[in-house]
Protein backbone atom coordinates (compact mmCIF):
# COMPACT_ATOMS: atom_id res chain seq x y z
CA MET A 1 142.32 15.46 -19.24
CA LEU A 2 143.99 14.49 -16.00
CA PHE A 3 142.75 17.76 -14.47
CA TYR A 4 139.12 16.86 -15.12
CA THR A 5 139.62 13.34 -13.80
CA VAL A 6 140.96 14.62 -10.50
CA LEU A 7 138.06 17.04 -10.14
CA SER A 8 135.59 14.32 -10.91
CA CYS A 9 137.10 12.02 -8.29
CA LYS A 10 137.06 14.75 -5.67
CA SER A 11 133.43 15.55 -6.41
CA ASN A 12 132.32 11.94 -6.17
CA LYS A 13 134.30 11.46 -2.96
CA ALA A 14 132.63 14.48 -1.39
CA GLU A 15 129.16 13.16 -2.28
CA ILE A 16 129.98 9.77 -0.81
CA ALA A 17 131.39 11.29 2.36
CA THR A 18 128.31 13.41 3.02
CA PRO A 19 125.24 11.45 1.90
CA LYS A 20 121.96 13.27 2.36
CA GLN A 21 120.00 11.75 5.23
CA PRO A 22 116.44 10.83 4.28
CA ASN A 23 113.51 12.57 5.91
CA ILE A 24 111.03 10.24 7.61
CA ILE A 25 107.28 10.65 7.89
CA TYR A 26 105.58 8.02 10.02
CA ILE A 27 101.82 8.19 9.47
CA MET A 28 99.61 6.22 11.83
CA SER A 29 95.84 6.12 11.94
CA ASP A 30 93.78 4.70 14.78
CA ASP A 31 92.03 1.36 14.13
CA HIS A 32 92.62 1.40 10.36
CA THR A 33 92.46 -2.31 9.64
CA THR A 34 93.82 -4.17 6.61
CA GLN A 35 90.29 -5.01 5.44
CA ALA A 36 89.78 -1.31 4.65
CA PHE A 37 92.45 -0.99 1.94
CA GLY A 38 92.63 -1.84 -1.70
CA VAL A 39 96.13 -3.34 -1.53
CA TYR A 40 95.22 -5.97 1.06
CA GLY A 41 92.60 -7.51 -1.20
CA SER A 42 89.78 -7.91 1.30
CA ARG A 43 86.06 -8.04 0.55
CA LEU A 44 86.09 -4.21 0.74
CA ALA A 45 88.91 -3.69 -1.78
CA SER A 46 86.48 -3.29 -4.69
CA LEU A 47 85.12 -0.15 -2.99
CA ASN A 48 88.52 1.51 -3.57
CA PRO A 49 88.58 3.03 -0.06
CA THR A 50 92.24 4.13 -0.09
CA PRO A 51 93.47 5.26 -3.54
CA THR A 52 96.21 7.54 -2.16
CA LEU A 53 97.50 5.00 0.34
CA ASP A 54 97.36 2.20 -2.23
CA LYS A 55 99.55 4.25 -4.56
CA ILE A 56 102.13 4.83 -1.83
CA ALA A 57 102.07 1.13 -0.95
CA ASN A 58 102.51 0.01 -4.55
CA GLU A 59 105.49 2.34 -4.95
CA GLY A 60 107.25 0.60 -2.05
CA ILE A 61 107.01 -2.56 0.04
CA ILE A 62 103.84 -4.06 1.54
CA PHE A 63 103.96 -6.32 4.60
CA ASP A 64 101.27 -8.99 4.70
CA ASN A 65 102.27 -10.32 8.13
CA CYS A 66 102.67 -7.28 10.35
CA PHE A 67 101.09 -7.84 13.76
CA VAL A 68 100.41 -5.90 16.93
CA THR A 69 101.53 -7.42 20.22
CA ASN A 70 98.58 -6.06 22.24
CA SER A 71 95.61 -4.80 20.22
CA ILE A 72 94.61 -1.71 22.17
CA CYS A 73 95.64 1.94 21.69
CA THR A 74 97.93 2.86 24.60
CA PRO A 75 99.91 -0.40 24.83
CA SER A 76 100.48 -0.46 21.07
CA ARG A 77 101.72 3.13 21.05
CA ALA A 78 103.92 2.46 24.07
CA THR A 79 105.49 -0.49 22.29
CA ILE A 80 106.15 1.60 19.18
CA ILE A 81 107.76 4.49 21.10
CA THR A 82 109.91 2.23 23.32
CA GLY A 83 110.68 -0.78 21.14
CA GLN A 84 109.67 -2.97 24.07
CA TYR A 85 106.93 -5.46 24.94
CA SER A 86 104.23 -4.51 27.41
CA GLN A 87 105.66 -6.03 30.57
CA THR A 88 109.04 -4.44 29.94
CA ASN A 89 107.77 -0.94 29.16
CA GLY A 90 105.13 -1.21 31.89
CA VAL A 91 102.12 -0.37 29.71
CA ILE A 92 99.74 -3.33 29.64
CA ASP A 93 96.42 -1.47 29.38
CA LEU A 94 94.82 1.90 28.64
CA GLU A 95 95.85 3.28 32.02
CA GLY A 96 99.57 2.84 31.32
CA GLU A 97 101.99 5.73 30.88
CA VAL A 98 105.40 6.29 29.26
CA ALA A 99 107.66 8.78 31.02
CA THR A 100 109.37 11.34 28.80
CA LYS A 101 112.79 9.82 29.50
CA ASN A 102 111.56 6.39 28.39
CA GLN A 103 110.40 7.53 24.96
CA TYR A 104 113.41 5.96 23.30
CA LEU A 105 112.50 6.25 19.63
CA PRO A 106 112.51 10.07 19.32
CA GLU A 107 115.47 10.25 21.72
CA GLU A 108 117.58 8.04 19.45
CA ILE A 109 116.45 9.79 16.27
CA LYS A 110 117.45 13.17 17.70
CA LYS A 111 120.96 11.84 18.38
CA LEU A 112 121.31 11.25 14.64
CA GLY A 113 120.81 14.93 13.82
CA TYR A 114 117.11 14.83 13.03
CA GLN A 115 114.55 17.41 14.05
CA THR A 116 111.58 15.53 15.50
CA ALA A 117 107.88 16.37 15.54
CA LEU A 118 104.69 14.70 16.78
CA VAL A 119 101.21 15.79 15.69
CA GLY A 120 97.80 14.34 16.60
CA LYS A 121 96.95 11.45 18.89
CA TRP A 122 99.48 10.69 21.64
CA HIS A 123 97.71 8.79 24.46
CA LEU A 124 100.85 8.13 26.54
CA THR A 125 100.22 10.78 29.25
CA HIS A 126 103.63 12.32 29.75
CA LYS A 127 105.21 15.19 27.86
CA PRO A 128 106.39 13.99 24.44
CA ASN A 129 110.14 13.74 23.95
CA PHE A 130 110.01 15.56 20.60
CA ASP A 131 111.47 18.88 19.46
CA TYR A 132 107.98 19.96 18.45
CA TYR A 133 104.61 18.51 19.36
CA ASN A 134 100.96 19.45 19.02
CA ILE A 135 98.75 16.73 20.47
CA PHE A 136 95.13 16.06 21.40
CA THR A 137 94.52 17.01 25.01
CA GLN A 138 91.02 16.09 26.08
CA HIS A 139 89.52 12.70 26.92
CA HIS A 140 92.85 11.31 28.11
CA GLN A 141 94.52 12.51 24.90
CA GLN A 142 92.00 10.63 22.77
CA GLY A 143 90.80 13.95 21.38
CA SER A 144 87.48 14.84 19.78
CA TYR A 145 86.54 14.38 16.16
CA PHE A 146 85.18 17.93 15.98
CA ASP A 147 86.65 21.17 17.34
CA PRO A 148 89.36 19.40 19.35
CA TYR A 149 91.69 20.90 21.92
CA LEU A 150 95.42 20.41 21.31
CA THR A 151 98.46 21.27 23.39
CA GLU A 152 101.48 22.60 21.51
CA SER A 153 105.09 22.54 22.63
CA GLY A 154 105.78 25.69 24.61
CA MET A 155 102.36 25.64 26.25
CA HIS A 156 101.83 24.61 29.85
CA TYR A 157 101.91 20.80 29.97
CA GLU A 158 100.31 18.84 32.77
CA PRO A 159 99.43 15.17 32.17
CA PHE A 160 95.70 14.56 31.91
CA ASN A 161 94.81 17.94 33.37
CA GLU A 162 91.82 18.98 31.28
CA SER A 163 90.62 21.75 33.57
CA PRO A 164 90.05 25.23 32.09
CA GLY A 165 93.31 26.83 31.05
CA TYR A 166 95.19 23.53 30.80
CA GLU A 167 93.31 21.85 27.97
CA GLY A 168 95.34 23.67 25.31
CA LYS A 169 94.05 25.52 22.28
CA GLN A 170 90.76 24.73 20.58
CA TYR A 171 90.76 24.32 16.81
CA LYS A 172 87.62 24.51 14.69
CA GLY A 173 86.84 21.77 12.22
CA HIS A 174 87.37 18.04 11.81
CA SER A 175 90.35 16.43 13.56
CA SER A 176 91.77 14.75 10.44
CA ASP A 177 91.88 18.08 8.61
CA ILE A 178 93.21 19.94 11.63
CA ILE A 179 96.19 17.73 12.37
CA THR A 180 97.11 17.76 8.67
CA ASP A 181 96.97 21.57 8.70
CA ILE A 182 99.28 21.54 11.73
CA SER A 183 101.75 19.08 10.19
CA LEU A 184 101.86 21.06 6.95
CA ASP A 185 102.38 24.29 8.86
CA TRP A 186 105.29 22.73 10.74
CA LEU A 187 106.82 21.40 7.52
CA LYS A 188 106.43 24.75 5.76
CA ASN A 189 107.11 27.27 8.49
CA LYS A 190 108.44 25.86 11.74
CA ARG A 191 111.07 23.23 11.06
CA ASP A 192 114.79 23.81 10.70
CA LYS A 193 115.26 23.18 6.99
CA SER A 194 118.98 22.60 7.44
CA LYS A 195 118.18 19.32 9.23
CA PRO A 196 116.45 16.13 8.14
CA PHE A 197 113.07 15.72 9.80
CA PHE A 198 111.28 12.88 11.55
CA LEU A 199 107.53 13.54 11.74
CA MET A 200 105.03 11.27 13.46
CA HIS A 201 101.62 12.28 12.05
CA GLN A 202 98.91 10.43 14.00
CA PHE A 203 95.21 10.53 13.11
CA LYS A 204 92.35 9.96 15.53
CA ALA A 205 90.32 8.48 12.68
CA PRO A 206 88.85 5.96 12.10
CA HIS A 207 88.44 5.24 15.84
CA ASP A 208 84.87 4.77 16.98
CA ASP A 209 82.40 6.39 17.06
CA PHE A 210 83.28 7.19 13.42
CA GLU A 211 82.29 10.87 13.30
CA TYR A 212 83.30 11.68 9.73
CA ALA A 213 83.68 15.14 8.20
CA PRO A 214 80.31 16.40 6.86
CA ARG A 215 81.60 16.50 3.27
CA TYR A 216 81.60 12.69 3.22
CA LYS A 217 77.94 12.37 4.20
CA ASP A 218 76.95 10.96 0.79
CA TYR A 219 80.08 8.86 0.20
CA LEU A 220 78.99 5.21 -0.33
CA GLU A 221 75.40 6.22 0.51
CA ASN A 222 73.81 4.03 -2.18
CA ILE A 223 76.43 1.27 -2.16
CA GLU A 224 75.83 -2.19 -0.73
CA ILE A 225 78.83 -3.00 1.47
CA PRO A 226 80.01 -6.64 1.22
CA GLU A 227 79.43 -8.58 4.44
CA PRO A 228 81.57 -11.30 6.06
CA GLU A 229 79.87 -14.70 6.15
CA SER A 230 80.79 -15.07 9.81
CA LEU A 231 78.62 -12.07 10.68
CA TYR A 232 75.64 -14.45 10.55
CA ASN A 233 77.30 -17.85 11.05
CA ASN A 234 80.16 -18.09 13.52
CA ALA A 235 79.54 -21.65 14.68
CA GLY A 236 83.07 -23.11 14.44
CA ASN A 237 85.00 -20.14 15.79
CA GLY A 238 85.83 -19.73 19.46
CA SER A 239 85.60 -21.93 22.54
CA ILE A 240 83.93 -22.01 25.94
CA ALA A 241 86.27 -19.12 26.77
CA THR A 242 84.58 -16.87 24.23
CA ARG A 243 81.11 -18.43 24.19
CA GLY A 244 80.57 -20.06 27.56
CA VAL A 245 79.24 -23.57 28.09
CA ASN A 246 76.42 -24.15 25.59
CA ASP A 247 76.85 -20.53 24.40
CA SER A 248 75.76 -19.28 27.81
CA LEU A 249 78.05 -16.21 27.68
CA THR A 250 77.54 -15.03 24.11
CA HIS A 251 75.13 -12.32 25.27
CA ILE A 252 77.93 -10.55 27.19
CA ILE A 253 81.30 -11.58 25.67
CA GLY A 254 82.53 -9.70 22.62
CA SER A 255 80.71 -6.54 21.53
CA SER A 256 78.66 -7.26 18.43
CA VAL A 257 77.12 -5.84 15.28
CA SER A 258 73.93 -7.80 15.91
CA LYS A 259 71.80 -7.71 19.05
CA ARG A 260 73.67 -10.78 20.33
CA ASN A 261 75.58 -8.81 22.96
CA THR A 262 72.86 -7.29 25.09
CA ILE A 263 75.26 -4.94 26.91
CA ARG A 264 77.19 -3.42 24.01
CA ASN A 265 76.29 -3.77 20.36
CA MET A 266 76.82 -1.41 17.46
CA GLY A 267 73.16 -0.55 17.02
CA MET A 268 73.10 1.09 20.44
CA ARG A 269 75.35 3.82 19.03
CA ILE A 270 74.58 3.77 15.33
CA TRP A 271 70.89 4.43 15.90
CA SER A 272 71.53 7.32 18.28
CA ASP A 273 71.74 10.94 17.14
CA GLU A 274 74.70 11.56 19.47
CA TYR A 275 77.24 10.69 16.78
CA THR A 276 75.49 12.27 13.77
CA LYS A 277 74.46 15.68 15.04
CA ARG A 278 77.71 17.26 13.79
CA ASN A 279 78.06 15.56 10.43
CA ASN A 280 74.58 14.42 9.35
CA PRO A 281 71.96 16.13 11.55
CA ASN A 282 69.07 14.93 9.38
CA PHE A 283 70.01 11.28 9.78
CA ASP A 284 66.98 9.06 10.48
CA THR A 285 67.77 7.16 13.69
CA HIS A 286 64.62 5.05 13.39
CA GLN A 287 65.56 3.21 10.18
CA ALA A 288 66.06 -0.09 12.01
CA ASP A 289 62.89 0.04 14.06
CA GLY A 290 60.63 -3.01 13.66
CA LEU A 291 63.08 -5.07 11.61
CA SER A 292 63.70 -8.77 12.12
CA ASP A 293 66.96 -9.63 13.86
CA GLN A 294 68.71 -10.50 10.60
CA GLU A 295 67.42 -7.39 8.86
CA TYR A 296 68.52 -5.33 11.85
CA THR A 297 72.02 -6.83 11.72
CA HIS A 298 72.27 -6.11 7.99
CA LYS A 299 71.05 -2.53 8.38
CA THR A 300 73.38 -1.86 11.31
CA TYR A 301 76.38 -3.38 9.54
CA GLN A 302 75.78 -1.24 6.45
CA GLU A 303 75.64 1.97 8.47
CA TYR A 304 78.61 0.94 10.64
CA LEU A 305 80.84 0.29 7.64
CA LYS A 306 79.81 3.43 5.80
CA ARG A 307 80.67 5.63 8.77
CA TYR A 308 83.94 3.81 9.29
CA LEU A 309 84.91 4.12 5.61
CA ARG A 310 83.95 7.80 5.53
CA CYS A 311 86.51 8.35 8.28
CA VAL A 312 89.03 6.31 6.25
CA LYS A 313 88.26 8.48 3.22
CA GLY A 314 89.15 11.54 5.29
CA VAL A 315 92.47 9.95 6.27
CA ASP A 316 93.28 9.07 2.66
CA ASP A 317 92.44 12.54 1.37
CA ASN A 318 94.56 14.22 4.04
CA VAL A 319 97.53 11.97 3.32
CA ALA A 320 97.17 13.17 -0.28
CA ARG A 321 97.64 16.75 0.96
CA ILE A 322 100.91 15.77 2.62
CA ILE A 323 102.10 13.99 -0.52
CA ASP A 324 101.25 17.04 -2.64
CA TYR A 325 103.39 19.21 -0.36
CA LEU A 326 106.34 16.82 -0.49
CA LYS A 327 106.20 16.74 -4.29
CA LYS A 328 105.85 20.50 -4.62
CA GLU A 329 108.88 21.09 -2.38
CA GLY A 330 111.03 18.42 -4.05
CA LEU A 331 111.06 16.29 -0.90
CA TYR A 332 109.08 13.29 -2.09
CA GLU A 333 111.94 11.14 -3.38
CA ASN A 334 114.16 11.61 -0.33
CA THR A 335 111.44 11.09 2.29
CA ILE A 336 110.78 7.66 3.75
CA ILE A 337 107.00 7.36 4.07
CA VAL A 338 105.70 4.78 6.53
CA TYR A 339 101.99 4.08 6.93
CA THR A 340 100.35 1.90 9.55
CA GLY A 341 97.47 1.71 12.03
CA ASP A 342 97.97 1.27 15.75
CA GLN A 343 96.30 -2.16 15.46
CA GLY A 344 93.66 -3.94 13.41
CA PHE A 345 89.89 -3.77 13.86
CA MET A 346 86.92 -6.11 13.59
CA LEU A 347 84.49 -5.05 10.87
CA GLY A 348 81.77 -7.56 11.65
CA GLU A 349 83.89 -10.70 11.32
CA HIS A 350 82.57 -13.31 13.78
CA ASP A 351 79.92 -10.69 14.63
CA TYR A 352 82.55 -8.68 16.51
CA ILE A 353 83.32 -4.98 16.58
CA ASP A 354 86.33 -3.12 18.04
CA LYS A 355 89.76 -4.80 18.39
CA ARG A 356 91.44 -6.58 21.38
CA TRP A 357 91.06 -10.14 20.00
CA MET A 358 93.97 -12.24 18.77
CA TYR A 359 91.93 -13.03 15.67
CA ASP A 360 93.69 -11.80 12.55
CA GLU A 361 91.42 -8.89 11.69
CA SER A 362 92.22 -7.38 15.09
CA MET A 363 95.83 -8.51 15.34
CA ARG A 364 97.09 -7.71 11.84
CA MET A 365 98.37 -4.18 11.20
CA PRO A 366 98.59 -2.51 7.81
CA PHE A 367 102.21 -1.64 7.15
CA PHE A 368 103.97 -0.35 4.05
CA VAL A 369 106.96 1.83 3.30
CA ARG A 370 107.90 3.95 0.29
CA TYR A 371 111.48 5.09 -0.29
CA PRO A 372 112.55 4.77 -3.94
CA ASN A 373 116.27 5.31 -3.17
CA LYS A 374 116.38 1.99 -1.33
CA ILE A 375 113.05 0.16 -1.73
CA LYS A 376 111.99 -1.36 -5.03
CA ALA A 377 108.44 -0.50 -6.07
CA GLY A 378 105.96 -3.37 -6.15
CA THR A 379 107.69 -5.37 -3.41
CA ARG A 380 105.62 -7.57 -1.13
CA THR A 381 106.68 -9.82 1.73
CA ASP A 382 105.15 -12.36 4.09
CA ALA A 383 107.97 -11.92 6.63
CA ILE A 384 106.62 -11.69 10.17
CA ILE A 385 107.17 -8.34 11.85
CA ASN A 386 105.41 -6.69 14.77
CA ASN A 387 105.17 -3.24 16.31
CA VAL A 388 108.10 -3.92 18.67
CA ASP A 389 110.26 -3.94 15.53
CA PHE A 390 109.21 -0.48 14.31
CA ALA A 391 111.54 1.61 16.49
CA PRO A 392 114.74 -0.36 15.75
CA THR A 393 113.95 -0.20 12.04
CA LEU A 394 113.25 3.54 11.99
CA ILE A 395 116.46 4.19 13.92
CA GLU A 396 118.50 2.13 11.47
CA LEU A 397 116.85 3.84 8.49
CA ALA A 398 117.97 7.14 10.02
CA GLY A 399 121.54 5.87 10.17
CA GLY A 400 121.75 4.63 13.76
CA THR A 401 121.69 1.41 15.76
CA ALA A 402 118.93 0.53 18.21
CA PRO A 403 119.98 0.46 21.87
CA LYS A 404 120.13 -2.95 23.54
CA LYS A 405 117.20 -2.09 25.82
CA MET A 406 114.92 -2.35 22.77
CA GLN A 407 113.50 -5.85 22.33
CA GLY A 408 112.53 -5.48 18.69
CA HIS A 409 114.60 -6.28 15.61
CA SER A 410 115.31 -4.01 12.65
CA PHE A 411 113.86 -5.24 9.37
CA LYS A 412 115.75 -2.68 7.27
CA SER A 413 117.31 -5.45 5.16
CA ILE A 414 113.83 -6.80 4.36
CA LEU A 415 112.76 -3.32 3.21
CA GLU A 416 115.75 -3.08 0.91
CA THR A 417 115.87 -6.64 -0.45
CA GLY A 418 112.33 -7.96 -0.01
CA LYS A 419 113.86 -11.10 1.51
CA GLU A 420 113.97 -12.46 5.06
CA PRO A 421 117.40 -12.79 6.66
CA LYS A 422 118.36 -16.40 7.28
CA GLU A 423 117.67 -16.29 11.04
CA TRP A 424 114.59 -14.03 10.90
CA GLN A 425 111.76 -14.62 13.42
CA GLN A 426 109.17 -17.17 12.35
CA SER A 427 106.49 -16.31 14.90
CA THR A 428 105.03 -13.42 16.87
CA TYR A 429 103.75 -13.20 20.43
CA TYR A 430 100.46 -11.58 21.47
CA ARG A 431 98.84 -10.74 24.78
CA TYR A 432 95.64 -8.90 25.68
CA TRP A 433 95.46 -7.96 29.37
CA MET A 434 92.25 -5.91 29.77
CA HIS A 435 89.99 -8.71 30.85
CA MET A 436 86.25 -7.98 30.33
CA ALA A 437 86.83 -4.24 29.87
CA HIS A 438 84.58 -1.43 28.60
CA ALA A 439 81.59 -3.67 27.88
CA HIS A 440 83.49 -4.96 24.83
CA ALA A 441 84.10 -7.79 27.30
CA ASN A 442 87.05 -9.63 25.77
CA PRO A 443 88.53 -12.34 28.02
CA ALA A 444 92.25 -11.95 28.74
CA HIS A 445 94.45 -14.18 26.59
CA PHE A 446 97.88 -14.72 25.07
CA GLY A 447 99.24 -16.78 22.21
CA ILE A 448 101.63 -17.35 19.35
CA ARG A 449 101.16 -16.97 15.59
CA THR A 450 103.36 -18.41 12.86
CA LYS A 451 102.80 -18.07 9.13
CA GLN A 452 100.69 -21.23 9.17
CA TYR A 453 99.29 -21.69 12.68
CA LYS A 454 97.79 -19.79 15.58
CA LEU A 455 97.52 -20.99 19.18
CA ILE A 456 95.60 -18.93 21.77
CA PHE A 457 95.19 -19.50 25.50
CA PHE A 458 92.29 -17.70 27.18
CA TYR A 459 93.03 -17.59 30.91
CA GLY A 460 90.04 -15.40 31.76
CA LYS A 461 91.27 -13.25 34.67
CA TYR A 462 92.07 -9.59 35.20
CA TRP A 463 95.75 -8.84 35.85
CA VAL A 464 94.91 -7.63 39.37
CA ASP A 465 93.78 -10.46 41.65
CA THR A 466 90.28 -9.18 42.33
CA LYS A 467 89.68 -12.00 44.86
CA ASP A 468 92.35 -10.56 47.15
CA PRO A 469 90.54 -8.35 49.72
CA ASN A 470 93.58 -6.02 49.81
CA ALA A 471 93.87 -5.64 46.05
CA LYS A 472 93.44 -2.22 44.48
CA TRP A 473 92.36 -1.36 40.98
CA ASN A 474 90.44 1.34 39.16
CA LYS A 475 86.90 0.52 40.22
CA LYS A 476 85.58 3.68 38.52
CA SER A 477 86.76 2.55 35.09
CA TRP A 478 83.72 2.54 32.82
CA GLY A 479 81.95 -0.62 31.69
CA ASN A 480 84.33 -3.10 33.28
CA ARG A 481 83.70 -6.54 34.74
CA PHE A 482 87.19 -7.12 36.09
CA THR A 483 85.87 -9.29 38.91
CA MET A 484 84.18 -11.72 36.53
CA ASP A 485 86.37 -14.72 35.77
CA THR A 486 85.61 -16.49 32.50
CA PRO A 487 86.35 -20.10 31.49
CA ALA A 488 89.89 -21.06 30.52
CA ALA A 489 90.28 -22.65 27.09
CA TRP A 490 92.61 -23.14 24.13
CA GLU A 491 91.99 -22.30 20.48
CA PHE A 492 94.04 -23.49 17.52
CA TYR A 493 93.67 -22.50 13.87
CA ASP A 494 95.40 -23.94 10.82
CA LEU A 495 95.59 -20.71 8.82
CA SER A 496 96.71 -22.43 5.63
CA LYS A 497 93.36 -24.25 5.49
CA ASP A 498 91.25 -21.92 7.60
CA PRO A 499 92.43 -18.31 7.06
CA LYS A 500 89.17 -16.85 8.38
CA GLU A 501 89.52 -18.80 11.65
CA MET A 502 86.18 -20.56 11.41
CA ASN A 503 87.28 -23.92 12.83
CA ASN A 504 88.86 -24.20 16.26
CA ALA A 505 90.84 -27.40 15.69
CA TYR A 506 92.46 -27.61 19.13
CA LYS A 507 90.92 -31.02 19.85
CA ASP A 508 91.62 -32.47 16.40
CA PRO A 509 94.07 -35.36 17.03
CA LYS A 510 95.93 -34.81 13.76
CA TYR A 511 97.30 -31.53 15.16
CA LYS A 512 98.43 -32.99 18.50
CA ASN A 513 102.17 -32.83 17.74
CA ILE A 514 101.93 -29.41 16.09
CA ILE A 515 100.10 -27.98 19.10
CA ALA A 516 102.65 -29.51 21.49
CA ASP A 517 105.46 -27.89 19.53
CA LEU A 518 103.67 -24.52 19.51
CA LYS A 519 103.27 -24.72 23.28
CA GLU A 520 107.01 -25.24 23.62
CA GLN A 521 107.62 -22.26 21.35
CA LEU A 522 105.18 -20.22 23.42
CA ILE A 523 106.99 -21.08 26.66
CA ALA A 524 110.32 -20.07 25.12
CA LYS A 525 108.87 -16.87 23.69
CA ARG A 526 107.34 -15.77 26.99
CA ASN A 527 110.63 -16.43 28.77
CA GLU A 528 112.73 -14.63 26.14
CA LEU A 529 110.50 -11.55 26.07
CA ASN A 530 109.97 -11.08 29.81
CA GLU A 531 106.28 -11.89 29.31
CA GLU A 532 105.85 -14.62 31.94
CA ASP A 533 103.44 -14.42 34.85
CA GLY A 534 105.24 -16.38 37.57
CA ASP A 535 105.48 -14.62 40.93
CA LYS A 536 104.20 -11.31 39.56
CA TYR A 537 100.73 -12.58 38.69
CA PRO A 538 100.38 -15.83 40.69
CA HIS A 539 96.59 -15.95 40.29
CA ILE A 540 97.08 -16.08 36.51
CA GLN A 541 99.96 -18.54 36.72
CA LYS A 542 97.70 -20.85 38.71
CA VAL A 543 95.24 -20.96 35.79
CA ILE A 544 98.05 -21.54 33.30
CA ASP A 545 99.41 -24.46 35.32
CA ALA A 546 95.96 -26.01 35.77
CA HIS A 547 95.00 -25.85 32.08
CA TRP A 548 98.27 -26.02 30.14
CA ASN A 549 97.73 -29.64 29.18
CA ASP A 550 93.96 -29.54 28.67
């Protein structure tokens, strides 16, 4: 009897001494907003757009208050890979880059014995710091929806060199299918199966211009897509910063679904055959001809959302392929599955398209994690996290500790308990730098969001002082009005009473003390995070000083 007891103790001790490290799959789509899920309960939830992703989410923890710190592709990805805010990592706009040596997340994960891989969209210019990579090459690593070129580890790598011979290998088919094929091939045939793996699987979809795989041509075809009320009535949202005096700038600020924005609106692309020739060549591009403005907006919105959701359907179906593989190989229970988008996206709310805004639909990121060994199924939290926190958390989940140079905070304890630590952050900071860019024409702004309130300051200037005759900037960058200053203004929203941000209550006297307190928090936050303007951007600081107490 004693003999068996000793054996049992030795066996248990051995298991405790050598716990099996979990695999980690981090899946990120591009512009997949919370409105386009079932689990986030939006007006689109009844369409059941994400059955696979909803199942993963419901088997783990769902974050209702996950936010991006800068709602645009390259800065968001830079923040995720470095664990740092934009001014610290140096990537404030789409022209930013992250040197291989500064890609801290994969570097730290490798130190913990993991084999690392990156597949799909990269968008950070320099060679990825992963053991294996296969990434979109063309269009500044944005990639193409159909027949994309990808560069695989081992091939010649030269940042942004898309000339013949350097663009990588061309694959035939739709990008969502192709990158899933590549990830599955790596999982099956190329990884070292003696090591735990960390795979970042990053879709191009559902980024505009929403070129879905042809098999989804009839998906939602005869369905009426629910519309946001603010698509037609946005009267209380915004300020002179977003509308101009007496709405004098609404025809150029904020790309629209309707014809409101005369420079860039969705109909200009939806009713062109350029984005349907490869998935729906018989599409009638004249369907909206001769309609009234309201009918035109409705028709355009319906087509916009159907194309977007067809891309989402492709993402969901391809995630299902990965899940099937994990289950078949007995890896599902010991693999941490993270799903997110690189930011939110406007689906017609306030008659806006694209992202960039600090409004919730653009700022909020979907984020959920499944790992049954540590995370209780059916958990949901309103704890505030942001994309700066991703890297420290992933490192801690892998068994490490984030380096001090990372500014984010690990929320591993929230994953495992569903509860906020006593001193957990109660707000998040946001800043959009790309003033009046790409004909989306969003004024530059920054702000703070708590669980109940949001305060935004639109300062309306490009980060380069375009009035300085010696200043240099990318004057060839498409669709930009960097030289156009826009009015400075504040916006304040009480989210407990106005979750859809339809009433800018900045001038409501009952919020005077609350707004004053938020401004103090904002000052402290900007100082703490190295996000101040000061001597670095004196032309912006001048606007801040002049309008801080407006």
